[in-house]
């Protein structure tokens, strides 16, 4: 177990060392170049002719919400049934083990 841990540690260390860029390790601190900022005149856009986003139909939203709720209830019911089967099976297995 100790050898495996050492090999994994050496592999991770080697991967880190080999993936590091040698240019960044050898170069000194990087100084940013001088930046000049110019302010342009504001651009005026024409008035928007389309609405900014999609139009949602409340009837479709309600229908989608009810379908999602129904799907969640069905999935929850299936999960409860499967949990019941597992608990019932363990109970039967423990009874058989005590009887042997």
C-alpha atoms as a PDB file:
ATOM      1  CA  UNK A   1       0.000   0.000   0.000  1.00  0.00           C
ATOM      2  CA  UNK A   2       2.882   2.330   0.775  1.00  0.00           C
ATOM      3  CA  UNK A   3       4.506   1.695  -2.603  1.00  0.00           C
ATOM      4  CA  UNK A   4       1.247   2.436  -4.408  1.00  0.00           C
ATOM      5  CA  UNK A   5       0.802   5.685  -2.491  1.00  0.00           C
ATOM      6  CA  UNK A   6       4.378   6.691  -3.317  1.00  0.00           C
ATOM      7  CA  UNK A   7       3.913   5.909  -7.008  1.00  0.00           C
ATOM      8  CA  UNK A   8       0.699   7.908  -7.169  1.00  0.00           C
ATOM      9  CA  UNK A   9       2.341  10.837  -5.405  1.00  0.00           C
ATOM     10  CA  UNK A  10       5.332  10.707  -7.748  1.00  0.00           C
ATOM     11  CA  UNK A  11       3.027  10.532 -10.780  1.00  0.00           C
ATOM     12  CA  UNK A  12       1.011  13.541  -9.683  1.00  0.00           C
ATOM     13  CA  UNK A  13       4.149  15.513  -8.869  1.00  0.00           C
ATOM     14  CA  UNK A  14       5.686  14.604 -12.228  1.00  0.00           C
ATOM     15  CA  UNK A  15       2.527  15.599 -14.073  1.00  0.00           C
ATOM     16  CA  UNK A  16       2.472  18.965 -12.318  1.00  0.00           C
ATOM     17  CA  UNK A  17       6.145  19.622 -13.040  1.00  0.00           C
ATOM     18  CA  UNK A  18       5.965  18.597 -16.695  1.00  0.00           C
ATOM     19  CA  UNK A  19       2.798  20.544 -17.443  1.00  0.00           C
ATOM     20  CA  UNK A  20       4.187  23.770 -15.972  1.00  0.00           C
ATOM     21  CA  UNK A  21       5.459  26.094 -18.673  1.00  0.00           C
ATOM     22  CA  UNK A  22       9.265  26.375 -18.499  1.00  0.00           C
ATOM     23  CA  UNK A  23       9.165  29.867 -20.036  1.00  0.00           C
ATOM     24  CA  UNK A  24       7.015  31.198 -17.210  1.00  0.00           C
ATOM     25  CA  UNK A  25       9.244  29.542 -14.611  1.00  0.00           C
ATOM     26  CA  UNK A  26      12.451  31.039 -16.009  1.00  0.00           C
ATOM     27  CA  UNK A  27      11.155  34.512 -16.873  1.00  0.00           C
ATOM     28  CA  UNK A  28      11.030  37.225 -14.263  1.00  0.00           C
ATOM     29  CA  UNK A  29       7.939  39.176 -13.327  1.00  0.00           C
ATOM     30  CA  UNK A  30       5.923  40.309 -16.310  1.00  0.00           C
ATOM     31  CA  UNK A  31       5.270  44.021 -16.545  1.00  0.00           C
ATOM     32  CA  UNK A  32       2.253  45.182 -18.538  1.00  0.00           C
ATOM     33  CA  UNK A  33       2.804  47.441 -21.511  1.00  0.00           C
ATOM     34  CA  UNK A  34       1.615  51.032 -21.399  1.00  0.00           C
ATOM     35  CA  UNK A  35      -2.074  51.318 -22.158  1.00  0.00           C
ATOM     36  CA  UNK A  36      -3.686  54.342 -23.749  1.00  0.00           C
ATOM     37  CA  UNK A  37      -7.402  54.890 -23.341  1.00  0.00           C
ATOM     38  CA  UNK A  38      -9.446  57.034 -25.654  1.00  0.00           C
ATOM     39  CA  UNK A  39     -13.060  57.915 -25.067  1.00  0.00           C
ATOM     40  CA  UNK A  40     -15.276  57.791 -28.131  1.00  0.00           C
ATOM     41  CA  UNK A  41     -18.496  59.682 -28.567  1.00  0.00           C
ATOM     42  CA  UNK A  42     -21.554  57.697 -27.410  1.00  0.00           C
ATOM     43  CA  UNK A  43     -23.325  55.782 -30.145  1.00  0.00           C
ATOM     44  CA  UNK A  44     -27.068  56.272 -30.255  1.00  0.00           C
ATOM     45  CA  UNK A  45     -29.018  53.180 -31.267  1.00  0.00           C
ATOM     46  CA  UNK A  46     -32.402  53.378 -32.959  1.00  0.00           C
ATOM     47  CA  UNK A  47     -35.428  52.427 -30.896  1.00  0.00           C
ATOM     48  CA  UNK A  48     -35.941  48.687 -30.542  1.00  0.00           C
ATOM     49  CA  UNK A  49     -38.723  47.340 -32.711  1.00  0.00           C
ATOM     50  CA  UNK A  50     -38.775  43.855 -31.154  1.00  0.00           C
ATOM     51  CA  UNK A  51     -39.435  42.948 -27.533  1.00  0.00           C
ATOM     52  CA  UNK A  52     -36.233  42.215 -25.578  1.00  0.00           C
ATOM     53  CA  UNK A  53     -37.118  38.580 -24.857  1.00  0.00           C
ATOM     54  CA  UNK A  54     -39.501  35.780 -25.691  1.00  0.00           C
ATOM     55  CA  UNK A  55     -43.162  36.135 -24.869  1.00  0.00           C
ATOM     56  CA  UNK A  56     -44.285  33.371 -22.532  1.00  0.00           C
ATOM     57  CA  UNK A  57     -47.820  32.067 -22.661  1.00  0.00           C
ATOM     58  CA  UNK A  58     -49.147  31.572 -19.112  1.00  0.00           C
ATOM     59  CA  UNK A  59     -51.242  28.584 -20.198  1.00  0.00           C
ATOM     60  CA  UNK A  60     -48.193  26.788 -21.576  1.00  0.00           C
ATOM     61  CA  UNK A  61     -46.190  27.652 -18.460  1.00  0.00           C
ATOM     62  CA  UNK A  62     -48.885  26.236 -16.181  1.00  0.00           C
ATOM     63  CA  UNK A  63     -49.142  23.091 -18.330  1.00  0.00           C
ATOM     64  CA  UNK A  64     -45.362  22.607 -18.216  1.00  0.00           C
ATOM     65  CA  UNK A  65     -45.339  23.097 -14.439  1.00  0.00           C
ATOM     66  CA  UNK A  66     -48.096  20.518 -13.909  1.00  0.00           C
ATOM     67  CA  UNK A  67     -46.295  17.994 -16.135  1.00  0.00           C
ATOM     68  CA  UNK A  68     -43.040  18.564 -14.247  1.00  0.00           C
ATOM     69  CA  UNK A  69     -44.803  18.142 -10.896  1.00  0.00           C
ATOM     70  CA  UNK A  70     -46.479  14.942 -12.087  1.00  0.00           C
ATOM     71  CA  UNK A  71     -43.138  13.554 -13.309  1.00  0.00           C
ATOM     72  CA  UNK A  72     -41.533  14.324  -9.951  1.00  0.00           C
ATOM     73  CA  UNK A  73     -44.382  12.603  -8.095  1.00  0.00           C
ATOM     74  CA  UNK A  74     -44.097   9.508 -10.284  1.00  0.00           C
ATOM     75  CA  UNK A  75     -40.322   9.367  -9.767  1.00  0.00           C
ATOM     76  CA  UNK A  76     -40.785   9.783  -6.000  1.00  0.00           C
ATOM     77  CA  UNK A  77     -43.389   7.024  -5.911  1.00  0.00           C
ATOM     78  CA  UNK A  78     -41.077   4.675  -7.817  1.00  0.00           C
ATOM     79  CA  UNK A  79     -38.243   5.498  -5.407  1.00  0.00           C
ATOM     80  CA  UNK A  80     -40.454   4.734  -2.395  1.00  0.00           C
ATOM     81  CA  UNK A  81     -41.583   1.408  -3.913  1.00  0.00           C
ATOM     82  CA  UNK A  82     -37.976   0.388  -4.640  1.00  0.00           C
ATOM     83  CA  UNK A  83     -36.927   1.355  -1.103  1.00  0.00           C
ATOM     84  CA  UNK A  84     -39.779  -0.763   0.266  1.00  0.00           C
ATOM     85  CA  UNK A  85     -38.656  -3.740  -1.825  1.00  0.00           C
ATOM     86  CA  UNK A  86     -35.079  -3.380  -0.540  1.00  0.00           C
ATOM     87  CA  UNK A  87     -36.180  -3.149   3.107  1.00  0.00           C
ATOM     88  CA  UNK A  88     -38.572  -6.094   2.704  1.00  0.00           C
ATOM     89  CA  UNK A  89     -35.849  -8.202   1.076  1.00  0.00           C
ATOM     90  CA  UNK A  90     -33.359  -7.466   3.851  1.00  0.00           C
ATOM     91  CA  UNK A  91     -35.954  -8.337   6.450  1.00  0.00           C
ATOM     92  CA  UNK A  92     -36.623 -11.698   4.782  1.00  0.00           C
ATOM     93  CA  UNK A  93     -32.884 -12.389   4.419  1.00  0.00           C
ATOM     94  CA  UNK A  94     -32.261 -11.632   8.112  1.00  0.00           C
ATOM     95  CA  UNK A  95     -35.078 -14.013   9.126  1.00  0.00           C
ATOM     96  CA  UNK A  96     -33.591 -16.785   6.985  1.00  0.00           C
ATOM     97  CA  UNK A  97     -30.128 -16.173   8.454  1.00  0.00           C
ATOM     98  CA  UNK A  98     -31.490 -16.413  12.019  1.00  0.00           C
ATOM     99  CA  UNK A  99     -33.339 -19.635  11.173  1.00  0.00           C
ATOM    100  CA  UNK A 100     -30.243 -21.400   9.844  1.00  0.00           C
END
